[in-house]
C-alpha atoms as a PDB file:
ATOM      1  CA  UNK A   1       0.016   0.057   0.086  1.00  0.00           C
ATOM      2  CA  UNK A   2       1.783   3.213  -1.090  1.00  0.00           C
ATOM      3  CA  UNK A   3       0.068   6.871  -1.544  1.00  0.00           C
ATOM      4  CA  UNK A   4      -1.679   7.418  -4.923  1.00  0.00           C
ATOM      5  CA  UNK A   5      -1.650   3.454  -5.702  1.00  0.00           C
ATOM      6  CA  UNK A   6      -5.544   3.134  -5.215  1.00  0.00           C
ATOM      7  CA  UNK A   7      -8.926   2.709  -6.655  1.00  0.00           C
ATOM      8  CA  UNK A   8     -10.006   6.450  -6.844  1.00  0.00           C
ATOM      9  CA  UNK A   9     -13.333   7.643  -8.046  1.00  0.00           C
ATOM     10  CA  UNK A  10     -14.240  11.280  -8.508  1.00  0.00           C
ATOM     11  CA  UNK A  11     -16.460  12.926  -5.741  1.00  0.00           C
ATOM     12  CA  UNK A  12     -17.249  11.657  -2.264  1.00  0.00           C
ATOM     13  CA  UNK A  13     -19.226   8.845  -3.721  1.00  0.00           C
ATOM     14  CA  UNK A  14     -19.048   5.911  -5.786  1.00  0.00           C
ATOM     15  CA  UNK A  15     -19.496   2.289  -5.942  1.00  0.00           C
ATOM     16  CA  UNK A  16     -18.035  -0.745  -7.548  1.00  0.00           C
ATOM     17  CA  UNK A  17     -19.378  -4.738  -7.965  1.00  0.00           C
ATOM     18  CA  UNK A  18     -16.547  -7.148  -7.373  1.00  0.00           C
ATOM     19  CA  UNK A  19     -16.523 -10.728  -9.032  1.00  0.00           C
ATOM     20  CA  UNK A  20     -15.227 -13.222  -6.424  1.00  0.00           C
ATOM     21  CA  UNK A  21     -13.142 -16.171  -7.846  1.00  0.00           C
ATOM     22  CA  UNK A  22     -15.895 -18.450  -6.392  1.00  0.00           C
ATOM     23  CA  UNK A  23     -19.074 -18.632  -4.848  1.00  0.00           C
ATOM     24  CA  UNK A  24     -18.786 -17.527  -1.030  1.00  0.00           C
ATOM     25  CA  UNK A  25     -20.810 -17.610   2.032  1.00  0.00           C
ATOM     26  CA  UNK A  26     -20.015 -13.914   3.237  1.00  0.00           C
ATOM     27  CA  UNK A  27     -19.167 -13.255   6.793  1.00  0.00           C
ATOM     28  CA  UNK A  28     -17.105  -9.857   6.805  1.00  0.00           C
ATOM     29  CA  UNK A  29     -15.220  -7.065   4.522  1.00  0.00           C
ATOM     30  CA  UNK A  30     -12.375  -5.527   5.054  1.00  0.00           C
ATOM     31  CA  UNK A  31     -11.192  -2.070   3.738  1.00  0.00           C
ATOM     32  CA  UNK A  32      -8.076  -0.193   4.127  1.00  0.00           C
ATOM     33  CA  UNK A  33      -6.725   3.019   3.159  1.00  0.00           C
ATOM     34  CA  UNK A  34      -3.189   4.930   4.056  1.00  0.00           C
ATOM     35  CA  UNK A  35      -2.120   6.526   7.383  1.00  0.00           C
ATOM     36  CA  UNK A  36      -1.980   9.998   7.822  1.00  0.00           C
ATOM     37  CA  UNK A  37       1.748   9.461   8.190  1.00  0.00           C
ATOM     38  CA  UNK A  38       2.147   7.928   4.734  1.00  0.00           C
ATOM     39  CA  UNK A  39       0.083  10.798   3.125  1.00  0.00           C
ATOM     40  CA  UNK A  40       1.926  13.453   1.005  1.00  0.00           C
ATOM     41  CA  UNK A  41      -0.267  16.063   2.180  1.00  0.00           C
ATOM     42  CA  UNK A  42      -0.519  14.618   5.847  1.00  0.00           C
ATOM     43  CA  UNK A  43      -4.492  13.923   5.605  1.00  0.00           C
ATOM     44  CA  UNK A  44      -6.786  11.254   4.924  1.00  0.00           C
ATOM     45  CA  UNK A  45      -9.900  13.226   3.813  1.00  0.00           C
ATOM     46  CA  UNK A  46      -9.915  11.029   0.722  1.00  0.00           C
ATOM     47  CA  UNK A  47     -10.452   7.940   2.963  1.00  0.00           C
ATOM     48  CA  UNK A  48     -14.061   6.621   2.401  1.00  0.00           C
ATOM     49  CA  UNK A  49     -16.411   7.331   5.384  1.00  0.00           C
ATOM     50  CA  UNK A  50     -19.922   5.623   5.274  1.00  0.00           C
ATOM     51  CA  UNK A  51     -20.174   2.632   3.290  1.00  0.00           C
ATOM     52  CA  UNK A  52     -22.724   0.057   2.489  1.00  0.00           C
ATOM     53  CA  UNK A  53     -22.318  -3.737   0.945  1.00  0.00           C
ATOM     54  CA  UNK A  54     -24.830  -5.588  -0.684  1.00  0.00           C
ATOM     55  CA  UNK A  55     -25.309  -8.810  -3.119  1.00  0.00           C
ATOM     56  CA  UNK A  56     -27.587  -8.841  -5.898  1.00  0.00           C
ATOM     57  CA  UNK A  57     -29.712 -11.958  -5.694  1.00  0.00           C
ATOM     58  CA  UNK A  58     -30.140 -12.789  -8.766  1.00  0.00           C
ATOM     59  CA  UNK A  59     -26.483 -12.562  -9.818  1.00  0.00           C
ATOM     60  CA  UNK A  60     -26.311 -15.373  -6.973  1.00  0.00           C
ATOM     61  CA  UNK A  61     -28.776 -17.246  -8.962  1.00  0.00           C
ATOM     62  CA  UNK A  62     -27.969 -16.566 -12.742  1.00  0.00           C
ATOM     63  CA  UNK A  63     -24.087 -15.438 -12.561  1.00  0.00           C
ATOM     64  CA  UNK A  64     -24.144 -15.254 -16.502  1.00  0.00           C
ATOM     65  CA  UNK A  65     -26.120 -12.193 -16.217  1.00  0.00           C
ATOM     66  CA  UNK A  66     -29.478 -11.020 -15.955  1.00  0.00           C
ATOM     67  CA  UNK A  67     -32.186  -8.266 -16.602  1.00  0.00           C
ATOM     68  CA  UNK A  68     -30.937  -5.217 -14.446  1.00  0.00           C
ATOM     69  CA  UNK A  69     -34.301  -4.059 -13.927  1.00  0.00           C
ATOM     70  CA  UNK A  70     -35.012  -7.293 -12.214  1.00  0.00           C
ATOM     71  CA  UNK A  71     -32.020  -7.446  -9.752  1.00  0.00           C
ATOM     72  CA  UNK A  72     -33.101  -7.313  -6.082  1.00  0.00           C
ATOM     73  CA  UNK A  73     -29.792  -6.014  -3.880  1.00  0.00           C
ATOM     74  CA  UNK A  74     -29.930  -7.575  -0.402  1.00  0.00           C
ATOM     75  CA  UNK A  75     -27.806  -4.881   2.446  1.00  0.00           C
ATOM     76  CA  UNK A  76     -25.277  -7.021   4.104  1.00  0.00           C
ATOM     77  CA  UNK A  77     -24.155  -3.936   6.235  1.00  0.00           C
ATOM     78  CA  UNK A  78     -23.565  -0.492   6.688  1.00  0.00           C
ATOM     79  CA  UNK A  79     -20.380   0.843   8.573  1.00  0.00           C
ATOM     80  CA  UNK A  80     -18.299   3.901   8.752  1.00  0.00           C
ATOM     81  CA  UNK A  81     -14.582   3.623   8.191  1.00  0.00           C
ATOM     82  CA  UNK A  82     -13.039   5.336  10.731  1.00  0.00           C
ATOM     83  CA  UNK A  83      -9.898   7.270  10.168  1.00  0.00           C
ATOM     84  CA  UNK A  84      -8.723   7.839  13.367  1.00  0.00           C
ATOM     85  CA  UNK A  85      -8.326   3.803  14.109  1.00  0.00           C
ATOM     86  CA  UNK A  86      -5.885   1.257  12.109  1.00  0.00           C
ATOM     87  CA  UNK A  87      -5.955   1.576   8.446  1.00  0.00           C
ATOM     88  CA  UNK A  88      -7.409  -1.750   7.794  1.00  0.00           C
ATOM     89  CA  UNK A  89     -10.614  -2.083   9.420  1.00  0.00           C
ATOM     90  CA  UNK A  90     -12.852  -5.191   8.945  1.00  0.00           C
ATOM     91  CA  UNK A  91     -16.563  -5.259   9.539  1.00  0.00           C
ATOM     92  CA  UNK A  92     -18.640  -8.173  10.138  1.00  0.00           C
ATOM     93  CA  UNK A  93     -21.758  -8.798   7.591  1.00  0.00           C
ATOM     94  CA  UNK A  94     -25.159  -9.753   8.230  1.00  0.00           C
ATOM     95  CA  UNK A  95     -24.955 -13.321   6.765  1.00  0.00           C
ATOM     96  CA  UNK A  96     -27.556 -15.148   8.931  1.00  0.00           C
ATOM     97  CA  UNK A  97     -30.236 -14.245   6.642  1.00  0.00           C
ATOM     98  CA  UNK A  98     -28.403 -15.491   3.560  1.00  0.00           C
ATOM     99  CA  UNK A  99     -28.183 -19.430   3.489  1.00  0.00           C
ATOM    100  CA  UNK A 100     -26.472 -19.277   0.067  1.00  0.00           C
ATOM    101  CA  UNK A 101     -23.449 -18.196  -1.443  1.00  0.00           C
ATOM    102  CA  UNK A 102     -22.558 -15.461  -3.589  1.00  0.00           C
ATOM    103  CA  UNK A 103     -20.296 -14.916  -6.672  1.00  0.00           C
ATOM    104  CA  UNK A 104     -20.524 -11.101  -6.262  1.00  0.00           C
ATOM    105  CA  UNK A 105     -20.652  -8.161  -4.022  1.00  0.00           C
ATOM    106  CA  UNK A 106     -21.227  -4.570  -4.216  1.00  0.00           C
ATOM    107  CA  UNK A 107     -19.337  -1.897  -2.325  1.00  0.00           C
ATOM    108  CA  UNK A 108     -21.238   1.402  -2.181  1.00  0.00           C
ATOM    109  CA  UNK A 109     -19.326   4.435  -0.737  1.00  0.00           C
ATOM    110  CA  UNK A 110     -21.704   7.192   0.539  1.00  0.00           C
ATOM    111  CA  UNK A 111     -19.250   9.600   1.680  1.00  0.00           C
ATOM    112  CA  UNK A 112     -15.725  10.355   2.503  1.00  0.00           C
ATOM    113  CA  UNK A 113     -13.858  12.244   5.137  1.00  0.00           C
ATOM    114  CA  UNK A 114     -14.048  15.831   3.138  1.00  0.00           C
ATOM    115  CA  UNK A 115     -11.928  15.626   0.005  1.00  0.00           C
ATOM    116  CA  UNK A 116     -14.706  17.167  -2.652  1.00  0.00           C
ATOM    117  CA  UNK A 117     -12.402  15.992  -5.595  1.00  0.00           C
ATOM    118  CA  UNK A 118     -12.025  12.222  -5.030  1.00  0.00           C
ATOM    119  CA  UNK A 119     -12.056   9.318  -2.647  1.00  0.00           C
ATOM    120  CA  UNK A 120      -9.540   6.476  -2.451  1.00  0.00           C
ATOM    121  CA  UNK A 121      -9.722   2.884  -1.201  1.00  0.00           C
ATOM    122  CA  UNK A 122      -6.708   1.030  -1.220  1.00  0.00           C
ATOM    123  CA  UNK A 123      -7.762  -2.658  -0.640  1.00  0.00           C
ATOM    124  CA  UNK A 124     -10.888  -4.420  -0.188  1.00  0.00           C
ATOM    125  CA  UNK A 125     -10.619  -7.943   1.022  1.00  0.00           C
ATOM    126  CA  UNK A 126     -13.759 -10.025   1.514  1.00  0.00           C
ATOM    127  CA  UNK A 127     -14.089 -12.873   4.031  1.00  0.00           C
ATOM    128  CA  UNK A 128     -16.065 -15.953   4.153  1.00  0.00           C
ATOM    129  CA  UNK A 129     -16.131 -19.768   3.222  1.00  0.00           C
ATOM    130  CA  UNK A 130     -16.434 -21.210  -0.220  1.00  0.00           C
ATOM    131  CA  UNK A 131     -19.645 -22.765  -1.502  1.00  0.00           C
ATOM    132  CA  UNK A 132     -17.684 -26.276  -1.664  1.00  0.00           C
ATOM    133  CA  UNK A 133     -15.576 -26.091   1.296  1.00  0.00           C
ATOM    134  CA  UNK A 134     -16.684 -27.895   4.204  1.00  0.00           C
ATOM    135  CA  UNK A 135     -17.286 -26.335   7.643  1.00  0.00           C
ATOM    136  CA  UNK A 136     -14.526 -26.896  10.159  1.00  0.00           C
ATOM    137  CA  UNK A 137     -15.138 -27.839  13.558  1.00  0.00           C
ATOM    138  CA  UNK A 138     -11.903 -26.070  14.743  1.00  0.00           C
ATOM    139  CA  UNK A 139     -13.660 -22.735  14.386  1.00  0.00           C
ATOM    140  CA  UNK A 140     -11.688 -21.507  11.464  1.00  0.00           C
ATOM    141  CA  UNK A 141     -13.303 -20.176   8.364  1.00  0.00           C
END
């Protein structure tokens, strides 16, 4: 993670749909930004602030694509990335209502920490159990 080597989008709002390499029973999502010390400007105002995570139900059923007018999104969580905490922050998702695995996850950034021109995200990690992976009795996922 180095300054400027990020996914940047214009303004303070943006979204991305991430296709996962396999179908996953989702458990958490991790978002990372750089620290103030690493930032050339000495600020982290380009960091995301309010974030929502969704899955699209029909993408899970028909991964080859569907009519966008029929897509149903399910909110898995809304959280705030806190620039006062560690740069890598993990947030649990509401997966108890979703007994199936998903191949796509949508990250919606609703605001940032004050930069009017752009928002940067340095890393996104999706955590969970692959669909064909057996449950472990050792508590690992």
